[in-house]
Amino acid sequence: MRSSVEKLLLVADPQLIGEKDEGILGFITRREADRYLAKTFAQANAYVKPDWIVFLGDIFDEGLSASDDEFKRYFERFNLIFDYKNHEQRYIIIPGDNDVGGEYYGDRQPILRERFRNYFGRIIALYHQNDIEFLKLDMDMFDSFTEGKHNTIMEQIQNRPMTANFRIILNHWPILTRTARFIKPFINELEPNIILKGDSHHFSIISYDRINMINKYLAKESLSQSIFSLDLNQKNFVYEISVPTCSYRMGVQRIGYVVLLLDSESKTAHLTILSTPKRYIALYVYLIYGILGIIFIILTSLFSRRNLIRLVMFSRLI
């Protein structure tokens, strides 16, 4: 008998370090950050055993400036770090502004989106699994829903009518904090239950009241209880979950992964945060130990040298 619960492991903003901005220490910083991501992801994946792994953009830190050869090497590193192509799991990967542009109006280049698509698949697509529909989007902060990509998105919806209990929208950039002119047609036409996003590097849950067109924060940075539940039977509310970064390099206090359980029988969602260790604390400890070790070696060398000098002088006196 098939379970009514689908398990999702949500990964946001790993921002793999590039080859240009780190200088002469780049080899060390890349290796250390990659190792941290690989270890924490492997532990989270083994613990959760998800049905889906969802990457919510900003896969790379230097995706905009990367040459084609560099991008290929970044892609190969990504595959080695996350090892997500397990035949028992399905995965979805969406772009972020560090991959294809979109944070600033001038950095949007179609060629970057095309390159990302060649490696990670279609940027706008609809996935259907059991009782869940995933609508994969690429709506940056300068996109209008009623123009531009609207026709491409609606083609996906109309070609495959809604038959699932859940429709989950995946978009790197926020949706529910935009203007009412954007939000209203977006919600009315796409009918999402939940929107999953990255971008901010911080965790939050926002509920949007479709009748009164009001946003409310249900959680910010952390959860009031270990498992937080959402009732998706209420059609008047849409929820946007911002997933924290999984990289210690982003300079935020709380990092990790989010586990989302979707129960089609009760039409509820349950989520929790899998926090990961603050790597900089460990690195500082290693640095202190390293400095103390160097001081010890220097002092030992000095004392040994003094003893040697004394021995030579004593032998001359004899």
Foldseek 3Di string as FASTA:
>chain_A
DDALKFKEWEAEQLAQEFDPPPPPCVVVVNVVQLVLLLVQLVVVCVVRVGQEYEYQANLHQQQLPDDLVRVVVSLVSSCVRNVPPDPSHYYAYAYDCNQAHQPDPVSHDVVSQVSCCVRHNDQFAWDDDAQEIETHHEAGPPDACVDDCVVVNVVRPVVPPRDHLFYEYRYADDQLPDDPNRNLVVCVRRVHQEYEYEPPLWWWKWKAQNVVRDIDTPDTRADPDQKDKDASVPSRIHMYIYAHHQTLVPPDDWHFIKMWMARRVRRMIMMGTDTDDNVVVVVVVVVVVVVVVVVVVVVVVVVVVVVVVVVVVVVVVD
